[in-house]
Amino acid sequence: MSGPSPVEAVSSFDNKSFDCVVVVTDLLDNLTGDFDFLKQAFSSLVEVDATVGKDVLLAPLAGPFKRVVFACTGPLNRDYDDVRRFYDAAFSGINRALKAGSKAPLLVTVENERFVHAPISAALGALQALYVPLEIREGRPEKKIKAGKLGLYSKTSSEKLAKFAAAFESGRHLTRDIQGSDPERMAPPRVAQHVTQYFEGTSIKVEVIADVDYIEKNYPCLGAVNRCAKVVPRHNARVVKLSYEGEGPITDTLFLVGKGVTYDTGGADVKAGGIMAGMHRDKGGASAVAGLFAVLEKLKPKHLKVYGTMSMVRNSIGSNGYVADEIITSRAGVRVRVGNTDAEGRMAMVDCLCEAKEIALSAVNPQLYTVATLTGHAIIAVGQGYTLAMDNGPAKAANNATLLRNAGDEIGDMFELSTIRREDYEFHTGKSEYEDVLQCNNSPSSRTPRGHQSPSAFMIMTSGLDKHGIDSKQPLKYTHLDIAGSEGKFPGVPTGSPVPALCFHHFPAQ
């Protein structure tokens, strides 16, 4: 299996190992000094083509590069312009270079005072264009790469740019491989196998829990979701645990729990009306957890310890499936009444979150996360392209979601903030003497008021994190990330979000 296209730092234009220059900027007039020879390539086109500076253009270039692509960002000075202009331009520019026959493009991003990290955003856009899905690489080896390498040029530090672009892309690449592959290629046992092989011989430790009895005893809510699929060995659940410990005294500890639903039929509350298509991508949260560890392995940040849990399960439909009205006691001893079997993601994660909470109580400066393609409501609330972040009280006091959003703004992995309110806790409070917590109502999240906020309250209540709020002697920071809007449109290639923003927030350039 091939990995991401190799990223190479380029410090001068004397390098002869590239066959196309892709220039990303807003104006041709910015191509001065060292870039003047690139501007000259378009001088004749300016007089005859009104699209210069508006569309992606290609011109011949004397010397080894052969060709130059001008990928215009469009205006960068308006209130609503953001760094994604660079990402989008680089994505389009690389695609144009590939169509022209380039096999080794060199990306040149003209640096911008307003968007300091534009070169990283552009590099990620270029690498998104170069990604080849895992199943294509495995099934059609002749198509396993689109380009042999990608060069990155920066006036300030090409080496640093290449280092971080390559690291972030390694994480996005693994995320896409797991999330985008079909329900059989990445059924729970094969995800566990893939992750184990990926990190073999690295600093990342991997533990796989496969025993059904153990899962049902220690992760009873996950076990309930797995009950139908467990009769098919190739679909049986896995809990994949990853850990990393950096050099030096630990100052921060991260805990990430990812939803890894490899296919979501909806269970007994079956998804009808054609909306089941694309549900192999419901494992995006767990995929992102694995992806973050790929970045950790590349950058090896010091003073940081990270625990990750991938809750891998298939929400199948059949005679052995769990159903609405069942009462299941969670790992934390909370009696949960099932309201809708299509709200399986919170069930898959909540006992793993409880386990993370137990470890976090003795950890140094812990921050807990759940990461999930959880609700259609998230897309309705903020649209495509955005991760929704919700803090509990202690995390809000530390401004975690705000800082995460700011990190995403810097590199183009965008977030919106949401708030967990009292109504969300009230919504999930048990409605009778039988249960402590109601898992869900009987409607889809997209038709439920506060449909993306309330699941975080469910996970707080059901995992026992409600005992560790701002009123506790042992407060624990917890942030829920709903990535349903940012994981990428289907059909299409997953984006790898929110791996870049999480990494840029918690272990920026060192």
Protein backbone atom coordinates (compact mmCIF):
# COMPACT_ATOMS: atom_id res chain seq x y z
CA MET A 1 0.00 0.00 0.00
CA SER A 2 1.40 3.36 -0.99
CA GLY A 3 1.16 6.27 1.39
CA PRO A 4 0.78 9.97 0.70
CA SER A 5 2.72 11.50 -2.18
CA PRO A 6 6.19 12.35 -0.79
CA VAL A 7 6.52 16.00 0.17
CA GLU A 8 9.84 17.67 -0.63
CA ALA A 9 11.06 21.07 0.57
CA VAL A 10 12.35 23.27 -2.26
CA SER A 11 14.50 26.27 -1.38
CA SER A 12 15.35 27.55 -4.87
CA PHE A 13 14.09 27.37 -8.44
CA ASP A 14 17.28 25.66 -9.56
CA ASN A 15 15.68 22.34 -8.64
CA LYS A 16 15.20 20.35 -11.83
CA SER A 17 13.25 17.41 -10.47
CA PHE A 18 9.81 19.01 -10.92
CA ASP A 19 7.83 19.33 -14.14
CA CYS A 20 5.27 22.02 -13.32
CA VAL A 21 5.02 25.06 -11.07
CA VAL A 22 1.62 25.73 -9.48
CA VAL A 23 1.44 29.32 -8.21
CA VAL A 24 -1.17 30.26 -5.62
CA THR A 25 -1.84 33.96 -5.01
CA ASP A 26 -4.55 36.57 -5.53
CA LEU A 27 -2.81 38.77 -8.11
CA LEU A 28 -0.26 38.24 -10.83
CA ASP A 29 1.31 41.52 -9.70
CA ASN A 30 2.43 39.71 -6.52
CA LEU A 31 4.88 37.70 -8.61
CA THR A 32 7.90 39.94 -8.17
CA GLY A 33 11.54 39.34 -7.33
CA ASP A 34 12.25 35.60 -7.37
CA PHE A 35 8.80 34.99 -8.88
CA ASP A 36 9.19 37.41 -11.79
CA PHE A 37 10.02 34.69 -14.30
CA LEU A 38 6.68 33.02 -13.50
CA LYS A 39 4.78 36.24 -14.13
CA GLN A 40 6.48 36.66 -17.49
CA ALA A 41 5.03 33.32 -18.63
CA PHE A 42 1.57 34.88 -18.48
CA SER A 43 2.48 38.27 -19.96
CA SER A 44 1.24 37.41 -23.45
CA LEU A 45 -1.97 35.86 -22.11
CA VAL A 46 -2.93 38.99 -20.18
CA GLU A 47 -3.44 40.87 -23.43
CA VAL A 48 -5.75 38.30 -25.04
CA ASP A 49 -7.47 36.45 -22.20
CA ALA A 50 -9.81 38.24 -19.79
CA THR A 51 -9.88 35.22 -17.47
CA VAL A 52 -6.30 35.78 -16.31
CA GLY A 53 -6.52 36.30 -12.57
CA LYS A 54 -9.98 34.73 -12.41
CA ASP A 55 -9.71 31.12 -13.59
CA VAL A 56 -7.03 28.47 -13.28
CA LEU A 57 -4.66 29.04 -16.19
CA LEU A 58 -1.74 27.12 -17.67
CA ALA A 59 1.12 28.52 -19.73
CA PRO A 60 4.35 27.05 -21.13
CA LEU A 61 7.50 27.76 -19.16
CA ALA A 62 11.02 27.65 -20.50
CA GLY A 63 13.37 25.25 -18.75
CA PRO A 64 12.84 22.00 -16.87
CA PHE A 65 9.47 22.96 -15.34
CA LYS A 66 7.87 22.95 -18.83
CA ARG A 67 4.64 24.55 -17.60
CA VAL A 68 3.24 26.91 -14.99
CA VAL A 69 -0.27 26.97 -13.54
CA PHE A 70 -1.66 30.17 -12.06
CA ALA A 71 -4.28 29.27 -9.44
CA CYS A 72 -5.89 32.51 -8.35
CA THR A 73 -7.35 32.66 -4.85
CA GLY A 74 -9.71 35.48 -5.70
CA PRO A 75 -9.99 38.51 -3.40
CA LEU A 76 -8.47 38.20 0.05
CA ASN A 77 -9.40 41.55 1.61
CA ARG A 78 -13.12 41.21 2.34
CA ASP A 79 -14.73 40.48 5.70
CA TYR A 80 -15.70 36.97 4.68
CA ASP A 81 -12.49 35.89 2.95
CA ASP A 82 -10.55 33.24 4.86
CA VAL A 83 -7.53 31.00 4.43
CA ARG A 84 -9.58 28.39 2.58
CA ARG A 85 -9.10 30.55 -0.53
CA PHE A 86 -5.56 29.15 -0.62
CA TYR A 87 -6.69 25.58 0.00
CA ASP A 88 -9.27 25.73 -2.80
CA ALA A 89 -6.89 27.41 -5.24
CA ALA A 90 -4.15 24.86 -4.64
CA PHE A 91 -6.62 22.00 -5.00
CA SER A 92 -7.80 23.35 -8.36
CA GLY A 93 -4.27 24.20 -9.48
CA ILE A 94 -2.89 20.74 -8.80
CA ASN A 95 -5.82 19.13 -10.60
CA ARG A 96 -5.09 21.32 -13.61
CA ALA A 97 -1.41 20.35 -13.50
CA LEU A 98 -2.33 16.67 -13.39
CA LYS A 99 -4.58 17.06 -16.42
CA ALA A 100 -1.65 18.65 -18.25
CA GLY A 101 0.45 15.59 -17.57
CA SER A 102 2.45 16.69 -14.54
CA LYS A 103 3.85 13.92 -12.36
CA ALA A 104 5.93 16.08 -10.02
CA PRO A 105 4.32 19.47 -9.37
CA LEU A 106 5.98 22.24 -7.34
CA LEU A 107 3.57 24.32 -5.25
CA VAL A 108 4.51 27.97 -4.74
CA THR A 109 2.27 29.91 -2.36
CA VAL A 110 2.87 33.64 -2.26
CA GLU A 111 2.81 34.47 1.43
CA ASN A 112 0.15 36.81 2.77
CA GLU A 113 0.26 39.12 5.81
CA ARG A 114 -3.38 38.48 6.71
CA PHE A 115 -3.12 34.70 6.43
CA VAL A 116 0.17 33.73 8.02
CA HIS A 117 -0.33 29.99 7.60
CA ALA A 118 -1.63 30.15 4.04
CA PRO A 119 1.24 27.93 2.75
CA ILE A 120 0.12 25.08 5.04
CA SER A 121 -3.50 25.46 3.96
CA ALA A 122 -2.47 25.49 0.30
CA ALA A 123 -0.27 22.42 0.80
CA LEU A 124 -3.19 20.55 2.36
CA GLY A 125 -5.39 21.52 -0.58
CA ALA A 126 -2.77 20.22 -3.00
CA LEU A 127 -2.40 16.96 -1.09
CA GLN A 128 -6.17 16.49 -1.02
CA ALA A 129 -6.10 16.60 -4.82
CA LEU A 130 -3.30 14.00 -4.93
CA TYR A 131 -5.00 11.46 -2.67
CA VAL A 132 -5.83 8.07 -4.21
CA PRO A 133 -8.39 5.94 -2.30
CA LEU A 134 -7.09 2.83 -0.58
CA GLU A 135 -9.29 0.48 -2.55
CA ILE A 136 -8.02 1.91 -5.85
CA ARG A 137 -4.42 1.55 -4.68
CA GLU A 138 -5.07 -2.07 -3.72
CA GLY A 139 -7.27 -3.08 -6.66
CA ARG A 140 -5.73 -1.08 -9.49
CA PRO A 141 -2.00 -0.74 -8.78
CA GLU A 142 -1.45 1.11 -12.06
CA LYS A 143 -3.45 3.99 -10.58
CA LYS A 144 -1.91 3.96 -7.11
CA ILE A 145 -0.36 7.42 -7.49
CA LYS A 146 -1.36 10.62 -9.26
CA ALA A 147 2.04 12.23 -8.81
CA GLY A 148 5.35 10.86 -7.64
CA LYS A 149 5.98 13.78 -5.31
CA LEU A 150 4.91 17.30 -4.37
CA GLY A 151 7.42 20.09 -3.96
CA LEU A 152 6.74 22.94 -1.54
CA TYR A 153 8.46 26.31 -1.83
CA SER A 154 8.40 28.93 0.91
CA LYS A 155 10.37 32.17 1.11
CA THR A 156 10.66 31.83 4.88
CA SER A 157 11.10 28.11 5.59
CA SER A 158 10.41 25.40 3.05
CA GLU A 159 11.73 22.75 5.45
CA LYS A 160 9.29 23.64 8.21
CA LEU A 161 6.40 23.89 5.76
CA ALA A 162 7.20 20.49 4.27
CA LYS A 163 7.59 18.89 7.71
CA PHE A 164 4.19 19.95 8.96
CA ALA A 165 2.36 19.47 5.67
CA ALA A 166 3.71 15.92 5.44
CA ALA A 167 2.78 15.18 9.05
CA PHE A 168 -0.75 16.54 8.78
CA GLU A 169 -1.24 14.70 5.49
CA SER A 170 -0.12 11.40 7.00
CA GLY A 171 -2.96 11.80 9.50
CA ARG A 172 -5.53 12.82 6.90
CA HIS A 173 -4.37 10.00 4.62
CA LEU A 174 -4.95 7.33 7.26
CA THR A 175 -8.26 8.95 8.20
CA ARG A 176 -9.47 8.88 4.59
CA ASP A 177 -8.28 5.30 4.06
CA ILE A 178 -10.35 4.03 6.98
CA GLN A 179 -13.36 6.29 6.62
CA GLY A 180 -13.76 6.19 2.87
CA SER A 181 -13.37 2.45 2.32
CA ASP A 182 -16.49 0.34 1.95
CA PRO A 183 -18.27 -1.53 4.79
CA GLU A 184 -16.51 -4.84 4.08
CA ARG A 185 -13.00 -3.52 3.42
CA MET A 186 -13.18 -1.62 6.68
CA ALA A 187 -15.45 -3.78 8.79
CA PRO A 188 -14.45 -3.62 12.49
CA PRO A 189 -11.95 -6.53 12.46
CA ARG A 190 -10.26 -5.21 9.33
CA VAL A 191 -10.01 -1.70 10.78
CA ALA A 192 -8.28 -3.18 13.82
CA GLN A 193 -5.93 -5.14 11.58
CA HIS A 194 -5.19 -2.09 9.41
CA VAL A 195 -4.39 0.14 12.39
CA THR A 196 -2.26 -2.52 14.05
CA GLN A 197 -0.20 -3.01 10.90
CA TYR A 198 0.07 0.73 10.28
CA PHE A 199 1.63 1.44 13.67
CA GLU A 200 3.74 -1.69 13.94
CA GLY A 201 7.29 -0.78 14.92
CA THR A 202 6.42 2.83 15.80
CA SER A 203 6.14 4.79 19.03
CA ILE A 204 2.36 4.27 19.01
CA LYS A 205 1.06 1.41 21.15
CA VAL A 206 -2.03 -0.44 19.91
CA GLU A 207 -4.33 -2.77 21.86
CA VAL A 208 -7.31 -4.49 20.25
CA ILE A 209 -10.23 -5.86 22.27
CA ALA A 210 -12.16 -8.48 20.30
CA ASP A 211 -13.73 -10.70 22.95
CA VAL A 212 -17.51 -10.28 22.78
CA ASP A 213 -18.12 -11.19 26.41
CA TYR A 214 -15.52 -8.66 27.53
CA ILE A 215 -17.08 -5.95 25.36
CA GLU A 216 -20.60 -6.67 26.62
CA LYS A 217 -19.43 -6.59 30.24
CA ASN A 218 -17.17 -3.53 30.08
CA TYR A 219 -18.84 -1.55 27.29
CA PRO A 220 -22.48 -2.59 27.62
CA CYS A 221 -23.93 0.19 25.45
CA LEU A 222 -21.49 -0.66 22.65
CA GLY A 223 -22.32 -4.31 23.23
CA ALA A 224 -25.99 -3.58 22.68
CA VAL A 225 -25.30 -2.02 19.28
CA ASN A 226 -23.06 -4.97 18.40
CA ARG A 227 -25.62 -7.59 19.40
CA CYS A 228 -27.04 -8.02 15.92
CA ALA A 229 -23.70 -7.91 14.08
CA LYS A 230 -21.87 -10.23 16.46
CA VAL A 231 -23.38 -13.32 14.86
CA VAL A 232 -21.38 -12.47 11.71
CA PRO A 233 -17.69 -12.83 12.67
CA ARG A 234 -16.41 -10.46 9.97
CA HIS A 235 -18.73 -7.74 11.30
CA ASN A 236 -18.06 -8.22 15.00
CA ALA A 237 -17.14 -5.17 17.10
CA ARG A 238 -13.64 -4.14 18.05
CA VAL A 239 -12.39 -1.64 20.60
CA VAL A 240 -9.07 -0.32 19.35
CA LYS A 241 -6.95 1.52 21.92
CA LEU A 242 -3.97 3.67 20.97
CA SER A 243 -1.51 5.51 23.18
CA TYR A 244 1.43 7.85 22.80
CA GLU A 245 3.81 9.37 25.34
CA GLY A 246 6.22 12.14 24.41
CA GLU A 247 9.62 12.79 25.88
CA GLY A 248 10.11 14.79 29.05
CA PRO A 249 7.78 15.43 31.98
CA ILE A 250 4.12 15.23 30.94
CA THR A 251 2.28 18.56 31.13
CA ASP A 252 -0.87 17.69 29.16
CA THR A 253 -2.94 14.56 28.54
CA LEU A 254 -5.47 14.09 25.76
CA PHE A 255 -8.21 11.49 25.58
CA LEU A 256 -10.05 10.96 22.31
CA VAL A 257 -12.97 8.61 21.74
CA GLY A 258 -14.11 8.19 18.15
CA LYS A 259 -17.36 6.84 16.74
CA GLY A 260 -16.50 3.97 14.42
CA VAL A 261 -19.81 2.76 12.99
CA THR A 262 -18.66 0.90 9.89
CA TYR A 263 -22.19 0.74 8.51
CA ASP A 264 -25.35 2.25 9.92
CA THR A 265 -28.60 0.69 8.79
CA GLY A 266 -30.38 2.46 11.61
CA GLY A 267 -30.99 -0.91 13.24
CA ALA A 268 -34.62 -1.71 14.10
CA ASP A 269 -35.39 1.98 13.47
CA VAL A 270 -34.20 1.39 9.94
CA LYS A 271 -33.09 4.27 7.72
CA ALA A 272 -35.71 4.46 4.98
CA GLY A 273 -36.26 6.54 1.88
CA GLY A 274 -32.81 6.04 0.38
CA ILE A 275 -30.89 7.78 3.17
CA MET A 276 -28.86 4.66 4.06
CA ALA A 277 -26.44 5.27 1.18
CA GLY A 278 -23.15 6.66 2.40
CA MET A 279 -23.46 5.20 5.88
CA HIS A 280 -20.09 3.44 5.52
CA ARG A 281 -18.67 6.89 6.28
CA ASP A 282 -20.19 6.87 9.78
CA LYS A 283 -16.81 5.78 11.11
CA GLY A 284 -15.24 9.19 10.55
CA GLY A 285 -14.69 9.99 14.22
CA ALA A 286 -12.74 6.82 14.92
CA SER A 287 -10.85 7.27 11.64
CA ALA A 288 -9.81 10.75 12.76
CA VAL A 289 -8.58 9.39 16.09
CA ALA A 290 -6.30 7.00 14.21
CA GLY A 291 -5.23 9.84 11.93
CA LEU A 292 -4.21 12.03 14.86
CA PHE A 293 -1.89 9.27 16.07
CA ALA A 294 -0.28 9.15 12.63
CA VAL A 295 0.60 12.83 13.09
CA LEU A 296 1.88 12.15 16.61
CA GLU A 297 4.19 9.51 15.21
CA LYS A 298 5.58 11.99 12.66
CA LEU A 299 6.01 15.03 14.92
CA LYS A 300 6.60 13.32 18.28
CA PRO A 301 5.60 16.32 20.44
CA LYS A 302 7.22 16.43 23.86
CA HIS A 303 5.52 16.63 27.26
CA LEU A 304 2.27 15.19 25.88
CA LYS A 305 0.47 11.92 26.57
CA VAL A 306 -2.44 10.86 24.35
CA TYR A 307 -4.97 8.06 24.67
CA GLY A 308 -7.28 7.19 21.80
CA THR A 309 -10.20 4.77 21.55
CA MET A 310 -11.82 3.67 18.32
CA SER A 311 -15.28 2.22 19.01
CA MET A 312 -15.70 0.03 15.94
CA VAL A 313 -19.13 -1.52 15.43
CA ARG A 314 -21.68 -2.18 12.72
CA ASN A 315 -25.29 -1.14 13.37
CA SER A 316 -26.98 -4.03 11.63
CA ILE A 317 -30.63 -4.96 11.47
CA GLY A 318 -31.96 -8.39 12.37
CA SER A 319 -33.65 -10.60 14.91
CA ASN A 320 -30.85 -10.23 17.46
CA GLY A 321 -30.68 -6.44 17.28
CA TYR A 322 -31.33 -4.11 20.17
CA VAL A 323 -34.63 -2.21 20.02
CA ALA A 324 -36.29 0.90 21.35
CA ASP A 325 -37.69 0.58 24.90
CA GLU A 326 -34.81 -1.61 26.10
CA ILE A 327 -33.09 -0.48 29.28
CA ILE A 328 -29.33 -0.94 29.31
CA THR A 329 -27.10 -0.15 32.28
CA SER A 330 -23.97 1.73 31.20
CA ARG A 331 -20.44 1.21 32.47
CA ALA A 332 -21.05 4.11 34.87
CA GLY A 333 -24.12 2.36 36.32
CA VAL A 334 -26.63 4.65 34.59
CA ARG A 335 -29.88 3.05 33.43
CA VAL A 336 -30.45 4.06 29.81
CA ARG A 337 -33.76 3.63 28.00
CA VAL A 338 -33.25 3.25 24.26
CA GLY A 339 -35.43 5.66 22.32
CA ASN A 340 -34.14 5.10 18.80
CA THR A 341 -31.67 2.47 17.58
CA ASP A 342 -30.47 4.93 14.94
CA ALA A 343 -28.89 6.95 17.75
CA GLU A 344 -26.24 4.26 17.99
CA GLY A 345 -23.19 6.53 17.79
CA ARG A 346 -23.57 7.90 21.30
CA MET A 347 -24.11 4.33 22.53
CA ALA A 348 -20.94 3.15 20.81
CA MET A 349 -18.83 5.87 22.42
CA VAL A 350 -20.27 6.47 25.87
CA ASP A 351 -18.72 3.55 27.78
CA CYS A 352 -15.34 4.19 26.16
CA LEU A 353 -15.74 7.80 27.30
CA CYS A 354 -16.48 6.53 30.79
CA GLU A 355 -13.28 4.47 30.73
CA ALA A 356 -11.34 7.52 29.55
CA LYS A 357 -12.86 9.51 32.42
CA GLU A 358 -11.67 6.89 34.90
CA ILE A 359 -8.09 7.18 33.64
CA ALA A 360 -8.29 10.97 33.35
CA LEU A 361 -8.97 11.34 37.07
CA SER A 362 -5.32 10.55 37.77
CA ALA A 363 -3.86 12.14 34.61
CA VAL A 364 -1.95 15.42 34.26
CA ASN A 365 -4.09 18.27 32.93
CA PRO A 366 -6.53 16.03 31.06
CA GLN A 367 -8.75 17.09 28.14
CA LEU A 368 -11.35 14.61 26.89
CA TYR A 369 -12.98 14.52 23.44
CA THR A 370 -15.61 12.59 21.60
CA VAL A 371 -15.35 12.83 17.82
CA ALA A 372 -18.21 11.66 15.63
CA THR A 373 -20.17 11.98 12.42
CA LEU A 374 -23.06 12.11 14.83
CA THR A 375 -26.04 14.12 13.57
CA GLY A 376 -27.69 15.39 10.42
CA HIS A 377 -28.73 18.32 12.56
CA ALA A 378 -25.11 19.52 12.59
CA ILE A 379 -25.21 19.97 8.82
CA ILE A 380 -28.56 21.76 8.96
CA ALA A 381 -27.29 24.04 11.74
CA VAL A 382 -24.03 25.25 10.13
CA GLY A 383 -23.81 23.69 6.66
CA GLN A 384 -21.13 21.66 4.96
CA GLY A 385 -17.48 22.23 5.81
CA TYR A 386 -17.68 22.91 9.54
CA THR A 387 -17.03 20.88 12.69
CA LEU A 388 -19.24 21.81 15.62
CA ALA A 389 -17.46 22.00 18.98
CA MET A 390 -19.23 21.92 22.35
CA ASP A 391 -17.51 22.35 25.72
CA ASN A 392 -18.66 21.21 29.12
CA GLY A 393 -18.19 23.68 32.00
CA PRO A 394 -14.50 23.02 32.77
CA ALA A 395 -13.54 23.00 29.08
CA LYS A 396 -15.48 26.21 28.51
CA ALA A 397 -13.64 27.84 31.42
CA ALA A 398 -10.39 26.95 29.61
CA ASN A 399 -11.78 28.26 26.26
CA ASN A 400 -10.92 24.94 24.64
CA ALA A 401 -13.50 25.03 21.83
CA THR A 402 -12.68 28.68 21.10
CA LEU A 403 -8.96 27.96 20.87
CA LEU A 404 -9.67 24.96 18.68
CA ARG A 405 -11.78 27.11 16.36
CA ASN A 406 -9.00 29.69 16.21
CA ALA A 407 -6.48 26.98 15.29
CA GLY A 408 -8.78 25.77 12.54
CA ASP A 409 -9.19 29.29 11.20
CA GLU A 410 -5.41 29.56 10.85
CA ILE A 411 -5.03 26.56 8.56
CA GLY A 412 -8.47 26.16 6.99
CA ASP A 413 -9.97 23.30 9.04
CA MET A 414 -13.05 25.21 10.06
CA PHE A 415 -15.11 25.03 13.26
CA GLU A 416 -18.26 26.60 14.64
CA LEU A 417 -19.04 26.81 18.35
CA SER A 418 -22.16 25.46 19.98
CA THR A 419 -23.25 25.36 23.61
CA ILE A 420 -24.57 22.60 25.85
CA ARG A 421 -27.60 24.06 27.65
CA ARG A 422 -29.88 23.01 30.52
CA GLU A 423 -32.54 22.00 27.99
CA ASP A 424 -30.18 19.33 26.66
CA TYR A 425 -29.85 17.72 30.08
CA GLU A 426 -33.60 17.96 30.65
CA PHE A 427 -34.24 16.36 27.26
CA HIS A 428 -32.24 13.27 28.23
CA THR A 429 -33.43 12.97 31.83
CA GLY A 430 -35.43 9.76 32.33
CA LYS A 431 -39.16 10.18 31.86
CA SER A 432 -40.23 7.44 34.27
CA GLU A 433 -39.08 5.54 37.33
CA TYR A 434 -37.59 2.81 35.14
CA GLU A 435 -34.66 4.74 33.65
CA ASP A 436 -32.16 7.42 34.64
CA VAL A 437 -31.48 8.65 31.13
CA LEU A 438 -33.39 8.63 27.85
CA GLN A 439 -31.05 7.85 24.97
CA CYS A 440 -33.02 9.71 22.30
CA ASN A 441 -36.50 10.66 21.20
CA ASN A 442 -38.24 8.88 18.30
CA SER A 443 -37.37 11.39 15.57
CA PRO A 444 -34.25 11.91 13.46
CA SER A 445 -31.81 14.49 14.83
CA SER A 446 -32.53 16.68 11.81
CA ARG A 447 -36.14 17.03 13.00
CA THR A 448 -35.31 17.44 16.66
CA PRO A 449 -34.76 20.88 18.19
CA ARG A 450 -31.19 21.10 19.50
CA GLY A 451 -30.52 17.84 17.68
CA HIS A 452 -26.72 18.22 17.62
CA GLN A 453 -26.30 19.70 21.11
CA SER A 454 -28.27 17.27 23.24
CA PRO A 455 -26.22 14.12 22.46
CA SER A 456 -23.28 15.68 24.28
CA ALA A 457 -25.45 16.00 27.38
CA PHE A 458 -26.42 12.34 27.01
CA MET A 459 -22.77 11.31 26.93
CA ILE A 460 -21.93 13.49 29.93
CA MET A 461 -24.81 12.03 31.96
CA THR A 462 -24.37 8.40 30.89
CA SER A 463 -20.58 8.30 31.32
CA GLY A 464 -20.65 9.91 34.75
CA LEU A 465 -18.91 13.08 33.55
CA ASP A 466 -21.75 15.05 35.12
CA LYS A 467 -20.03 14.33 38.43
CA HIS A 468 -16.97 16.24 37.18
CA GLY A 469 -18.31 19.62 36.17
CA ILE A 470 -17.34 23.03 37.52
CA ASP A 471 -19.09 22.18 40.79
CA SER A 472 -16.84 19.16 41.35
CA LYS A 473 -13.68 18.78 43.38
CA GLN A 474 -12.28 16.93 40.35
CA PRO A 475 -13.48 18.86 37.29
CA LEU A 476 -12.67 17.29 33.92
CA LYS A 477 -12.54 19.18 30.63
CA TYR A 478 -14.65 17.57 27.91
CA THR A 479 -15.39 18.73 24.37
CA HIS A 480 -17.69 17.00 21.90
CA LEU A 481 -16.92 17.38 18.19
CA ASP A 482 -19.66 16.67 15.65
CA ILE A 483 -17.91 16.30 12.29
CA ALA A 484 -20.95 15.38 10.19
CA GLY A 485 -20.58 18.64 8.26
CA SER A 486 -16.80 18.68 7.90
CA GLU A 487 -16.03 15.06 6.99
CA GLY A 488 -16.74 15.67 3.30
CA LYS A 489 -19.61 15.29 0.88
CA PHE A 490 -20.74 11.88 -0.31
CA PRO A 491 -20.12 10.68 -2.93
CA GLY A 492 -16.57 11.97 -2.79
CA VAL A 493 -13.35 11.72 -0.84
CA PRO A 494 -13.35 12.38 2.93
CA THR A 495 -11.53 15.53 4.04
CA GLY A 496 -9.61 14.15 7.02
CA SER A 497 -11.10 16.79 9.32
CA PRO A 498 -10.68 17.60 12.17
CA VAL A 499 -7.16 16.12 12.36
CA PRO A 500 -5.24 19.25 11.23
CA ALA A 501 -7.01 21.61 13.64
CA LEU A 502 -6.70 19.25 16.61
CA CYS A 503 -3.00 18.86 15.98
CA PHE A 504 -2.40 22.55 15.33
CA HIS A 505 -4.20 23.37 18.58
CA HIS A 506 -2.59 20.81 20.88
CA PHE A 507 0.90 20.53 19.48
CA PRO A 508 1.72 23.44 17.17
CA ALA A 509 5.13 23.93 15.60
CA GLN A 510 7.86 23.02 18.07
